[in-house]
């Protein structure tokens, strides 16, 4: 039996024979394929939306798209040494793959798609390479979080622990407290407490 892919004529034949109620074995025998090949073809390319009905036109289109995607996935393996050198040079300056692809076309008339460059970088990483570290988003500096203890304090501030003890009793006027409250809309409100009165100022 000669190995070959199912073509559109084969798929049209399968659709016609299935509509007539013929068995997979008889269809396979007529086309020169094994019954398992016909069975896989039907299971793989029968959309759920078609309620189990095999459609040769839709099936042929799906098969073509799968082959095209497979070729695209292997495209990075055909990158020449010159193209690799140019890609490495631009990655060293943290240029993004989409910009690299455009520059190769504009400056060198070399067509290497953005997805192919990404696949090349991913493959390099799988083999222990470090090209991925040159991607623009890699190693991006971030602002270190500062603990509350390290934050800048108010100049000449007097700690609450240094106020007179009588102020805690709140028995005389002249002593006051002030707190800052941060609202949900990032507005600050000062709470000023004098004696028995509470004053809010925005």
N, C-alpha and C. Protein backbone atom coordinates (compact mmCIF):
# COMPACT_ATOMS: atom_id res chain seq x y z
N UNK A 1 0.85 -1.20 0.00
CA UNK A 1 0.00 0.00 0.00
C UNK A 1 0.89 1.25 0.00
N UNK A 2 0.70 2.14 -0.95
CA UNK A 2 1.50 3.35 -1.07
C UNK A 2 1.00 4.40 -0.08
N UNK A 3 1.94 4.98 0.70
CA UNK A 3 1.55 6.00 1.68
C UNK A 3 1.29 7.32 0.96
N UNK A 4 0.17 7.94 1.29
CA UNK A 4 -0.17 9.25 0.75
C UNK A 4 -1.20 9.90 1.66
N UNK A 5 -1.33 11.21 1.52
CA UNK A 5 -2.33 11.95 2.30
C UNK A 5 -3.68 11.85 1.60
N UNK A 6 -4.72 11.91 2.39
CA UNK A 6 -6.06 12.01 1.82
C UNK A 6 -6.20 13.36 1.12
N UNK A 7 -6.72 13.36 -0.10
CA UNK A 7 -6.94 14.62 -0.81
C UNK A 7 -8.42 14.96 -0.83
N UNK A 8 -8.76 16.05 -1.51
CA UNK A 8 -10.15 16.51 -1.52
C UNK A 8 -11.08 15.50 -2.20
N UNK A 9 -10.59 14.84 -3.25
CA UNK A 9 -11.42 13.83 -3.92
C UNK A 9 -11.73 12.66 -2.98
N UNK A 10 -10.70 12.25 -2.21
CA UNK A 10 -10.91 11.17 -1.25
C UNK A 10 -11.95 11.56 -0.22
N UNK A 11 -11.86 12.77 0.26
CA UNK A 11 -12.79 13.23 1.30
C UNK A 11 -14.20 13.37 0.75
N UNK A 12 -14.33 13.81 -0.51
CA UNK A 12 -15.65 13.88 -1.13
C UNK A 12 -16.25 12.47 -1.26
N UNK A 13 -15.40 11.51 -1.62
CA UNK A 13 -15.84 10.12 -1.76
C UNK A 13 -16.31 9.58 -0.40
N UNK A 14 -15.54 9.89 0.65
CA UNK A 14 -15.92 9.44 1.99
C UNK A 14 -17.27 10.01 2.39
N UNK A 15 -17.47 11.31 2.12
CA UNK A 15 -18.74 11.95 2.47
C UNK A 15 -19.91 11.29 1.74
N UNK A 16 -19.74 11.02 0.44
CA UNK A 16 -20.81 10.39 -0.34
C UNK A 16 -21.13 8.99 0.16
N UNK A 17 -20.09 8.20 0.41
CA UNK A 17 -20.31 6.82 0.84
C UNK A 17 -20.92 6.76 2.24
N UNK A 18 -20.51 7.68 3.11
CA UNK A 18 -21.10 7.71 4.45
C UNK A 18 -22.58 8.07 4.39
N UNK A 19 -22.93 9.00 3.50
CA UNK A 19 -24.34 9.39 3.37
C UNK A 19 -25.19 8.24 2.85
N UNK A 20 -24.55 7.29 2.14
CA UNK A 20 -25.26 6.12 1.63
C UNK A 20 -25.26 4.96 2.62
N UNK A 21 -24.59 5.17 3.76
CA UNK A 21 -24.60 4.15 4.80
C UNK A 21 -23.56 3.06 4.64
N UNK A 22 -22.54 3.26 3.81
CA UNK A 22 -21.51 2.24 3.61
C UNK A 22 -20.60 2.15 4.84
N UNK A 23 -19.98 1.02 5.02
CA UNK A 23 -19.09 0.79 6.16
C UNK A 23 -17.72 1.42 5.93
N UNK A 24 -17.01 1.66 7.03
CA UNK A 24 -15.67 2.24 6.93
C UNK A 24 -14.72 1.28 6.22
N UNK A 25 -14.93 -0.02 6.43
CA UNK A 25 -14.06 -1.01 5.82
C UNK A 25 -14.18 -0.99 4.30
N UNK A 26 -15.41 -0.88 3.80
CA UNK A 26 -15.60 -0.87 2.34
C UNK A 26 -15.07 0.43 1.73
N UNK A 27 -15.23 1.55 2.45
CA UNK A 27 -14.71 2.83 1.97
C UNK A 27 -13.18 2.78 1.92
N UNK A 28 -12.57 2.23 2.97
CA UNK A 28 -11.12 2.13 3.04
C UNK A 28 -10.58 1.25 1.92
N UNK A 29 -11.27 0.14 1.65
CA UNK A 29 -10.83 -0.78 0.61
C UNK A 29 -10.87 -0.09 -0.75
N UNK A 30 -11.93 0.68 -1.01
CA UNK A 30 -12.08 1.34 -2.30
C UNK A 30 -11.02 2.43 -2.52
N UNK A 31 -10.62 3.10 -1.45
CA UNK A 31 -9.65 4.19 -1.56
C UNK A 31 -8.21 3.73 -1.40
N UNK A 32 -8.02 2.51 -0.92
CA UNK A 32 -6.67 2.00 -0.73
C UNK A 32 -6.04 2.41 0.59
N UNK A 33 -6.88 2.72 1.58
CA UNK A 33 -6.39 3.06 2.92
C UNK A 33 -6.84 2.00 3.90
N UNK A 34 -6.23 2.01 5.08
CA UNK A 34 -6.66 1.09 6.13
C UNK A 34 -7.92 1.64 6.78
N UNK A 35 -8.78 0.78 7.33
CA UNK A 35 -9.99 1.25 8.01
C UNK A 35 -9.68 2.21 9.16
N UNK A 36 -8.55 1.99 9.86
CA UNK A 36 -8.20 2.88 10.97
C UNK A 36 -7.90 4.30 10.47
N UNK A 37 -7.31 4.41 9.26
CA UNK A 37 -7.03 5.73 8.69
C UNK A 37 -8.31 6.48 8.40
N UNK A 38 -9.29 5.80 7.83
CA UNK A 38 -10.58 6.42 7.54
C UNK A 38 -11.29 6.80 8.83
N UNK A 39 -11.20 5.93 9.83
CA UNK A 39 -11.84 6.20 11.12
C UNK A 39 -11.24 7.43 11.78
N UNK A 40 -9.91 7.54 11.78
CA UNK A 40 -9.25 8.72 12.36
C UNK A 40 -9.61 9.99 11.61
N UNK A 41 -9.69 9.88 10.29
CA UNK A 41 -10.04 11.03 9.46
C UNK A 41 -11.41 11.57 9.84
N UNK A 42 -12.37 10.68 10.03
CA UNK A 42 -13.74 11.09 10.35
C UNK A 42 -13.81 11.68 11.75
N UNK A 43 -13.15 11.03 12.72
CA UNK A 43 -13.20 11.52 14.10
C UNK A 43 -12.48 12.86 14.24
N UNK A 44 -11.38 13.01 13.53
CA UNK A 44 -10.56 14.21 13.66
C UNK A 44 -11.19 15.42 13.01
N UNK A 45 -11.92 15.22 11.92
CA UNK A 45 -12.41 16.35 11.13
C UNK A 45 -13.93 16.43 11.04
N UNK A 46 -14.62 15.92 12.05
CA UNK A 46 -16.07 16.06 12.08
C UNK A 46 -16.42 17.09 13.14
N UNK A 47 -16.81 18.31 12.77
CA UNK A 47 -17.11 19.35 13.75
C UNK A 47 -18.32 19.00 14.59
N UNK A 48 -18.30 19.45 15.84
CA UNK A 48 -19.44 19.21 16.73
C UNK A 48 -20.68 19.93 16.20
N UNK A 49 -20.47 21.11 15.61
CA UNK A 49 -21.60 21.89 15.10
C UNK A 49 -22.36 21.17 13.99
N UNK A 50 -21.68 20.21 13.33
CA UNK A 50 -22.31 19.49 12.23
C UNK A 50 -23.03 18.23 12.71
N UNK A 51 -23.14 18.07 14.04
CA UNK A 51 -23.89 16.96 14.64
C UNK A 51 -23.44 15.61 14.09
N UNK A 52 -22.13 15.43 13.99
CA UNK A 52 -21.59 14.13 13.58
C UNK A 52 -21.55 13.91 12.08
N UNK A 53 -21.96 14.91 11.28
CA UNK A 53 -21.95 14.76 9.83
C UNK A 53 -20.59 15.18 9.26
N UNK A 54 -20.02 14.34 8.44
CA UNK A 54 -18.71 14.60 7.84
C UNK A 54 -18.87 15.49 6.62
N UNK A 55 -18.13 16.63 6.58
CA UNK A 55 -18.22 17.57 5.46
C UNK A 55 -16.85 17.66 4.80
N UNK A 56 -16.73 17.24 3.54
CA UNK A 56 -15.42 17.15 2.90
C UNK A 56 -14.79 18.52 2.65
N UNK A 57 -15.60 19.55 2.35
CA UNK A 57 -15.04 20.87 2.08
C UNK A 57 -14.42 21.48 3.34
N UNK A 58 -15.15 21.41 4.44
CA UNK A 58 -14.63 21.94 5.69
C UNK A 58 -13.43 21.14 6.15
N UNK A 59 -13.47 19.84 5.95
CA UNK A 59 -12.37 18.97 6.35
C UNK A 59 -11.09 19.30 5.59
N UNK A 60 -11.21 19.51 4.28
CA UNK A 60 -10.04 19.84 3.46
C UNK A 60 -9.42 21.16 3.89
N UNK A 61 -10.27 22.13 4.22
CA UNK A 61 -9.77 23.43 4.66
C UNK A 61 -9.03 23.31 5.99
N UNK A 62 -9.59 22.52 6.92
CA UNK A 62 -8.95 22.33 8.22
C UNK A 62 -7.60 21.64 8.07
N UNK A 63 -7.54 20.65 7.18
CA UNK A 63 -6.29 19.91 6.97
C UNK A 63 -5.21 20.82 6.39
N UNK A 64 -5.61 21.71 5.46
CA UNK A 64 -4.65 22.64 4.87
C UNK A 64 -4.10 23.61 5.92
N UNK A 65 -4.99 24.08 6.81
CA UNK A 65 -4.57 25.01 7.85
C UNK A 65 -3.61 24.34 8.83
N UNK A 66 -3.87 23.08 9.16
CA UNK A 66 -2.98 22.36 10.08
C UNK A 66 -1.60 22.18 9.48
N UNK A 67 -1.54 21.84 8.19
CA UNK A 67 -0.24 21.67 7.54
C UNK A 67 0.52 23.00 7.48
N UNK A 68 -0.24 24.10 7.21
CA UNK A 68 0.40 25.42 7.15
C UNK A 68 0.95 25.82 8.51
N UNK A 69 0.19 25.54 9.58
CA UNK A 69 0.65 25.87 10.93
C UNK A 69 1.87 25.05 11.31
N UNK A 70 1.90 23.79 10.87
CA UNK A 70 3.04 22.92 11.17
C UNK A 70 4.30 23.45 10.49
N UNK A 71 4.16 23.91 9.24
CA UNK A 71 5.31 24.46 8.51
C UNK A 71 5.80 25.74 9.18
N UNK A 72 4.83 26.56 9.64
CA UNK A 72 5.21 27.81 10.29
C UNK A 72 5.95 27.53 11.59
N UNK A 73 5.52 26.47 12.31
CA UNK A 73 6.17 26.11 13.56
C UNK A 73 7.59 25.66 13.37
N UNK A 74 7.95 25.16 12.18
CA UNK A 74 9.30 24.68 11.90
C UNK A 74 10.15 25.72 11.16
N UNK A 75 9.56 26.88 10.91
CA UNK A 75 10.25 27.89 10.10
C UNK A 75 11.53 28.37 10.76
N UNK A 76 11.55 28.43 12.10
CA UNK A 76 12.74 28.95 12.79
C UNK A 76 13.95 28.06 12.56
N UNK A 77 13.72 26.79 12.19
CA UNK A 77 14.83 25.87 11.96
C UNK A 77 15.54 26.17 10.64
N UNK A 78 14.90 26.95 9.76
CA UNK A 78 15.52 27.30 8.49
C UNK A 78 16.19 28.67 8.50
N UNK A 79 16.29 29.30 9.68
CA UNK A 79 16.95 30.60 9.76
C UNK A 79 18.43 30.45 9.44
N UNK A 80 18.92 31.27 8.52
CA UNK A 80 20.33 31.18 8.11
C UNK A 80 21.24 31.77 9.18
N UNK A 81 22.54 31.51 9.05
CA UNK A 81 23.51 32.04 10.00
C UNK A 81 23.55 33.56 9.96
N UNK A 82 23.41 34.12 8.76
CA UNK A 82 23.39 35.58 8.64
C UNK A 82 22.20 36.17 9.38
N UNK A 83 21.03 35.54 9.21
CA UNK A 83 19.83 36.02 9.88
C UNK A 83 19.96 35.89 11.40
N UNK A 84 20.56 34.79 11.85
CA UNK A 84 20.78 34.61 13.29
C UNK A 84 21.67 35.72 13.85
N UNK A 85 22.73 36.06 13.11
CA UNK A 85 23.65 37.11 13.55
C UNK A 85 22.92 38.44 13.68
N UNK A 86 22.09 38.76 12.68
CA UNK A 86 21.35 40.02 12.72
C UNK A 86 20.34 40.05 13.86
N UNK A 87 19.69 38.91 14.10
CA UNK A 87 18.72 38.81 15.20
C UNK A 87 19.43 38.99 16.54
N UNK A 88 20.59 38.33 16.69
CA UNK A 88 21.36 38.43 17.94
C UNK A 88 21.81 39.87 18.19
N UNK A 89 22.25 40.55 17.12
CA UNK A 89 22.71 41.93 17.26
C UNK A 89 21.59 42.83 17.79
N UNK A 90 20.41 42.66 17.24
CA UNK A 90 19.29 43.52 17.64
C UNK A 90 18.75 43.14 19.01
N UNK A 91 18.78 41.86 19.33
CA UNK A 91 18.34 41.45 20.66
C UNK A 91 19.28 41.99 21.74
N UNK A 92 20.56 42.15 21.39
CA UNK A 92 21.53 42.65 22.36
C UNK A 92 21.21 44.08 22.78
N UNK A 93 20.43 44.79 21.96
CA UNK A 93 20.01 46.15 22.31
C UNK A 93 18.56 46.16 22.80
N UNK A 94 18.05 44.96 23.16
CA UNK A 94 16.69 44.80 23.70
C UNK A 94 15.61 45.26 22.73
N UNK A 95 15.84 45.01 21.45
CA UNK A 95 14.84 45.32 20.43
C UNK A 95 13.82 44.19 20.40
N UNK A 96 12.54 44.53 20.32
CA UNK A 96 11.48 43.52 20.33
C UNK A 96 11.43 42.77 19.00
N UNK A 97 10.98 41.50 19.00
CA UNK A 97 10.92 40.70 17.77
C UNK A 97 10.10 41.33 16.66
N UNK A 98 9.01 42.04 16.99
CA UNK A 98 8.21 42.65 15.93
C UNK A 98 8.99 43.75 15.21
N UNK A 99 9.78 44.52 15.98
CA UNK A 99 10.61 45.57 15.38
C UNK A 99 11.76 44.95 14.58
N UNK A 100 12.33 43.87 15.12
CA UNK A 100 13.41 43.17 14.41
C UNK A 100 12.92 42.68 13.06
N UNK A 101 11.73 42.10 13.04
CA UNK A 101 11.17 41.59 11.79
C UNK A 101 11.02 42.71 10.76
N UNK A 102 10.54 43.87 11.20
CA UNK A 102 10.36 45.01 10.29
C UNK A 102 11.71 45.54 9.79
N UNK A 103 12.69 45.60 10.69
CA UNK A 103 14.01 46.12 10.31
C UNK A 103 14.72 45.19 9.32
N UNK A 104 14.55 43.88 9.49
CA UNK A 104 15.19 42.94 8.57
C UNK A 104 14.64 43.10 7.16
N UNK A 105 13.34 43.35 7.06
CA UNK A 105 12.73 43.56 5.74
C UNK A 105 13.20 44.89 5.14
N UNK A 106 13.15 45.93 5.96
CA UNK A 106 13.46 47.28 5.47
C UNK A 106 14.94 47.45 5.14
N UNK A 107 15.83 46.91 5.97
CA UNK A 107 17.26 47.16 5.81
C UNK A 107 18.00 46.07 5.03
N UNK A 108 17.49 44.84 5.07
CA UNK A 108 18.22 43.74 4.44
C UNK A 108 17.37 42.92 3.46
N UNK A 109 16.10 43.31 3.32
CA UNK A 109 15.18 42.57 2.44
C UNK A 109 15.11 41.09 2.85
N UNK A 110 15.14 40.85 4.15
CA UNK A 110 15.05 39.49 4.69
C UNK A 110 13.71 39.35 5.40
N UNK A 111 12.96 38.34 5.04
CA UNK A 111 11.64 38.14 5.64
C UNK A 111 11.70 37.04 6.70
N UNK A 112 11.64 37.46 7.96
CA UNK A 112 11.54 36.54 9.09
C UNK A 112 10.43 37.09 9.98
N UNK A 113 9.35 36.34 10.13
CA UNK A 113 8.20 36.84 10.87
C UNK A 113 8.49 36.98 12.36
N UNK A 114 7.68 37.77 13.01
CA UNK A 114 7.81 37.97 14.46
C UNK A 114 7.65 36.65 15.21
N UNK A 115 6.65 35.85 14.82
CA UNK A 115 6.42 34.56 15.50
C UNK A 115 7.60 33.61 15.31
N UNK A 116 8.23 33.66 14.13
CA UNK A 116 9.41 32.80 13.88
C UNK A 116 10.56 33.19 14.80
N UNK A 117 10.75 34.49 15.00
CA UNK A 117 11.81 34.96 15.90
C UNK A 117 11.53 34.52 17.33
N UNK A 118 10.27 34.64 17.74
CA UNK A 118 9.90 34.19 19.09
C UNK A 118 10.16 32.69 19.26
N UNK A 119 9.82 31.91 18.24
CA UNK A 119 10.04 30.46 18.31
C UNK A 119 11.54 30.16 18.38
N UNK A 120 12.32 30.91 17.65
CA UNK A 120 13.78 30.73 17.68
C UNK A 120 14.33 31.02 19.08
N UNK A 121 13.83 32.09 19.69
CA UNK A 121 14.27 32.44 21.05
C UNK A 121 13.84 31.37 22.05
N UNK A 122 12.60 30.89 21.88
CA UNK A 122 12.10 29.85 22.79
C UNK A 122 12.91 28.57 22.66
N UNK A 123 13.23 28.20 21.42
CA UNK A 123 14.03 26.99 21.19
C UNK A 123 15.43 27.16 21.79
N UNK A 124 15.98 28.36 21.66
CA UNK A 124 17.30 28.63 22.24
C UNK A 124 17.27 28.48 23.76
N UNK A 125 16.18 28.93 24.36
CA UNK A 125 16.04 28.81 25.82
C UNK A 125 15.92 27.35 26.24
N UNK A 126 15.17 26.56 25.46
CA UNK A 126 15.01 25.14 25.77
C UNK A 126 16.35 24.41 25.73
N UNK A 127 17.27 24.91 24.92
CA UNK A 127 18.60 24.28 24.80
C UNK A 127 19.62 24.92 25.75
N UNK A 128 19.13 25.74 26.67
CA UNK A 128 20.01 26.34 27.67
C UNK A 128 20.52 27.72 27.32
N UNK A 129 20.06 28.28 26.20
CA UNK A 129 20.50 29.61 25.79
C UNK A 129 19.86 30.71 26.63
N UNK A 130 20.35 31.94 26.46
CA UNK A 130 19.87 33.06 27.25
C UNK A 130 19.39 34.23 26.40
N UNK A 131 19.02 33.95 25.15
CA UNK A 131 18.52 35.03 24.29
C UNK A 131 17.27 35.67 24.88
N UNK A 132 16.45 34.87 25.56
CA UNK A 132 15.19 35.38 26.10
C UNK A 132 15.41 36.52 27.10
N UNK A 133 16.60 36.54 27.71
CA UNK A 133 16.90 37.59 28.69
C UNK A 133 17.04 38.96 28.03
N UNK A 134 17.22 38.98 26.71
CA UNK A 134 17.36 40.25 25.99
C UNK A 134 16.04 40.80 25.49
N UNK A 135 14.94 40.07 25.73
CA UNK A 135 13.63 40.60 25.34
C UNK A 135 13.35 41.85 26.16
N UNK A 136 12.64 42.83 25.58
CA UNK A 136 12.44 44.12 26.25
C UNK A 136 11.87 44.01 27.66
N UNK A 137 10.95 43.05 27.88
CA UNK A 137 10.30 42.97 29.19
C UNK A 137 11.13 42.22 30.21
N UNK A 138 12.23 41.56 29.79
CA UNK A 138 13.04 40.79 30.73
C UNK A 138 14.00 41.71 31.47
N UNK A 139 14.19 41.44 32.73
CA UNK A 139 15.11 42.22 33.54
C UNK A 139 14.69 43.67 33.70
N UNK A 140 13.41 43.95 33.58
CA UNK A 140 12.92 45.31 33.70
C UNK A 140 13.05 45.79 35.15
N UNK A 141 13.70 46.92 35.36
CA UNK A 141 13.89 47.38 36.74
C UNK A 141 12.56 47.72 37.40
N UNK A 142 12.46 47.41 38.66
CA UNK A 142 11.24 47.72 39.36
C UNK A 142 11.58 48.48 40.63
N UNK A 143 10.61 49.21 41.12
CA UNK A 143 10.83 50.04 42.29
C UNK A 143 10.77 49.19 43.54
N UNK A 144 11.82 49.26 44.35
CA UNK A 144 11.86 48.48 45.57
C UNK A 144 10.87 49.05 46.58
N UNK A 145 10.12 48.14 47.20
CA UNK A 145 9.16 48.56 48.20
C UNK A 145 9.90 49.04 49.45
N UNK A 146 9.44 50.15 49.98
CA UNK A 146 10.06 50.72 51.17
C UNK A 146 9.20 50.41 52.37
N UNK A 147 9.79 49.85 53.40
CA UNK A 147 9.02 49.55 54.60
C UNK A 147 8.65 50.84 55.30
N UNK A 148 7.62 50.77 56.13
CA UNK A 148 7.14 51.98 56.81
C UNK A 148 8.22 52.58 57.70
N UNK A 149 9.09 51.73 58.23
CA UNK A 149 10.15 52.23 59.09
C UNK A 149 11.20 53.03 58.35
N UNK A 150 11.32 52.77 57.02
CA UNK A 150 12.33 53.46 56.22
C UNK A 150 11.82 54.73 55.55
N UNK A 151 10.52 54.99 55.68
CA UNK A 151 9.95 56.15 55.03
C UNK A 151 10.44 57.44 55.69
N UNK A 152 10.50 58.50 54.91
CA UNK A 152 10.98 59.79 55.42
C UNK A 152 10.01 60.35 56.46
N UNK A 153 10.54 60.76 57.58
CA UNK A 153 9.70 61.30 58.65
C UNK A 153 9.54 62.81 58.49
N UNK A 154 8.53 63.34 59.15
CA UNK A 154 8.26 64.78 59.09
C UNK A 154 9.37 65.52 59.83
N UNK A 155 9.95 66.54 59.19
CA UNK A 155 11.04 67.30 59.84
C UNK A 155 10.57 67.93 61.15
N UNK A 156 11.42 67.91 62.18
CA UNK A 156 11.16 68.55 63.48
C UNK A 156 9.91 68.03 64.17
N UNK A 157 9.50 66.81 63.80
CA UNK A 157 8.29 66.29 64.42
C UNK A 157 8.57 65.91 65.86
N UNK A 158 7.55 66.08 66.69
CA UNK A 158 7.64 65.69 68.09
C UNK A 158 6.75 64.48 68.30
N UNK A 159 7.32 63.40 68.80
CA UNK A 159 6.56 62.18 68.99
C UNK A 159 5.48 62.33 70.03
N UNK A 160 4.39 61.58 69.86
CA UNK A 160 3.27 61.66 70.79
C UNK A 160 3.66 61.22 72.19
N UNK A 161 4.72 60.39 72.24
CA UNK A 161 5.15 59.89 73.55
C UNK A 161 5.79 61.00 74.40
N UNK A 162 6.11 62.14 73.76
CA UNK A 162 6.76 63.23 74.49
C UNK A 162 5.78 64.28 75.02
N UNK A 163 4.49 64.12 74.75
CA UNK A 163 3.55 65.14 75.21
C UNK A 163 3.31 64.97 76.72
N UNK A 164 2.85 66.04 77.37
CA UNK A 164 2.61 65.98 78.82
C UNK A 164 1.56 64.94 79.17
N UNK A 165 1.70 64.34 80.33
CA UNK A 165 0.75 63.31 80.76
C UNK A 165 -0.64 63.87 80.93
N UNK A 166 -0.74 65.15 81.30
CA UNK A 166 -2.05 65.77 81.54
C UNK A 166 -2.88 65.84 80.27
N UNK A 167 -2.18 65.83 79.11
CA UNK A 167 -2.91 65.90 77.84
C UNK A 167 -3.75 64.65 77.63
N UNK A 168 -3.30 63.52 78.16
CA UNK A 168 -4.07 62.28 78.01
C UNK A 168 -5.38 62.32 78.79
N UNK A 169 -5.41 63.15 79.86
CA UNK A 169 -6.62 63.21 80.68
C UNK A 169 -7.72 64.04 80.02
N UNK A 170 -7.33 64.91 79.10
CA UNK A 170 -8.29 65.75 78.35
C UNK A 170 -9.18 66.56 79.29
N UNK A 171 -8.56 67.12 80.33
CA UNK A 171 -9.32 67.90 81.32
C UNK A 171 -9.16 69.40 81.12
N UNK A 172 -8.28 69.83 80.20
CA UNK A 172 -8.09 71.26 79.98
C UNK A 172 -7.88 71.52 78.49
N UNK A 173 -8.21 72.77 78.09
CA UNK A 173 -8.05 73.16 76.69
C UNK A 173 -6.59 73.50 76.39
N UNK A 174 -6.25 73.48 75.11
CA UNK A 174 -4.91 73.87 74.70
C UNK A 174 -4.10 72.73 74.13
N UNK A 175 -4.52 71.50 74.39
CA UNK A 175 -3.84 70.33 73.84
C UNK A 175 -4.68 69.78 72.69
N UNK A 176 -4.05 69.37 71.61
CA UNK A 176 -4.82 68.83 70.49
C UNK A 176 -4.05 67.72 69.79
N UNK A 177 -4.81 66.85 69.10
CA UNK A 177 -4.23 65.76 68.30
C UNK A 177 -4.65 65.97 66.85
N UNK A 178 -3.85 65.51 65.94
CA UNK A 178 -4.21 65.58 64.52
C UNK A 178 -3.77 64.30 63.83
N UNK A 179 -4.68 63.67 63.11
CA UNK A 179 -4.39 62.45 62.35
C UNK A 179 -4.78 62.70 60.90
N UNK A 180 -4.09 62.03 59.99
CA UNK A 180 -4.41 62.11 58.56
C UNK A 180 -5.07 60.82 58.13
N UNK A 181 -6.24 60.95 57.50
CA UNK A 181 -6.98 59.79 57.00
C UNK A 181 -6.98 59.84 55.49
N UNK A 182 -6.57 58.75 54.82
CA UNK A 182 -6.55 58.67 53.36
C UNK A 182 -7.81 57.98 52.90
N UNK A 183 -8.62 58.68 52.09
CA UNK A 183 -9.87 58.11 51.60
C UNK A 183 -9.66 57.24 50.38
N UNK A 184 -10.77 56.65 49.87
CA UNK A 184 -10.70 55.74 48.72
C UNK A 184 -10.40 56.47 47.43
N UNK A 185 -10.61 57.79 47.40
CA UNK A 185 -10.34 58.57 46.18
C UNK A 185 -9.05 59.36 46.33
N UNK A 186 -8.16 58.88 47.19
CA UNK A 186 -6.83 59.45 47.37
C UNK A 186 -6.86 60.89 47.87
N UNK A 187 -7.93 61.25 48.65
CA UNK A 187 -7.98 62.57 49.25
C UNK A 187 -7.59 62.44 50.72
N UNK A 188 -6.88 63.42 51.21
CA UNK A 188 -6.45 63.40 52.60
C UNK A 188 -7.38 64.26 53.45
N UNK A 189 -7.76 63.74 54.60
CA UNK A 189 -8.58 64.49 55.53
C UNK A 189 -7.85 64.57 56.86
N UNK A 190 -7.81 65.74 57.44
CA UNK A 190 -7.15 65.91 58.73
C UNK A 190 -8.20 65.90 59.82
N UNK A 191 -7.97 65.07 60.81
CA UNK A 191 -8.90 64.97 61.93
C UNK A 191 -8.27 65.72 63.10
N UNK A 192 -8.86 66.81 63.49
CA UNK A 192 -8.32 67.65 64.55
C UNK A 192 -9.22 67.56 65.76
N UNK A 193 -8.66 67.13 66.88
CA UNK A 193 -9.44 66.97 68.09
C UNK A 193 -8.97 67.98 69.13
N UNK A 194 -9.87 68.86 69.53
CA UNK A 194 -9.56 69.87 70.54
C UNK A 194 -10.56 69.70 71.69
N UNK A 195 -10.05 69.38 72.83
CA UNK A 195 -10.93 69.24 73.98
C UNK A 195 -12.00 68.22 73.71
N UNK A 196 -13.26 68.66 73.67
CA UNK A 196 -14.38 67.76 73.42
C UNK A 196 -14.96 67.97 72.04
N UNK A 197 -14.29 68.74 71.19
CA UNK A 197 -14.80 69.02 69.85
C UNK A 197 -13.97 68.29 68.81
N UNK A 198 -14.64 67.81 67.76
CA UNK A 198 -13.97 67.11 66.66
C UNK A 198 -14.16 67.92 65.39
N UNK A 199 -13.09 68.33 64.77
CA UNK A 199 -13.16 69.15 63.56
C UNK A 199 -12.53 68.39 62.41
N UNK A 200 -13.25 68.26 61.29
CA UNK A 200 -12.73 67.61 60.09
C UNK A 200 -12.47 68.69 59.05
N UNK A 201 -11.28 68.70 58.47
CA UNK A 201 -10.96 69.67 57.42
C UNK A 201 -10.42 68.94 56.22
N UNK A 202 -10.92 69.26 55.01
CA UNK A 202 -10.48 68.59 53.79
C UNK A 202 -9.28 69.33 53.25
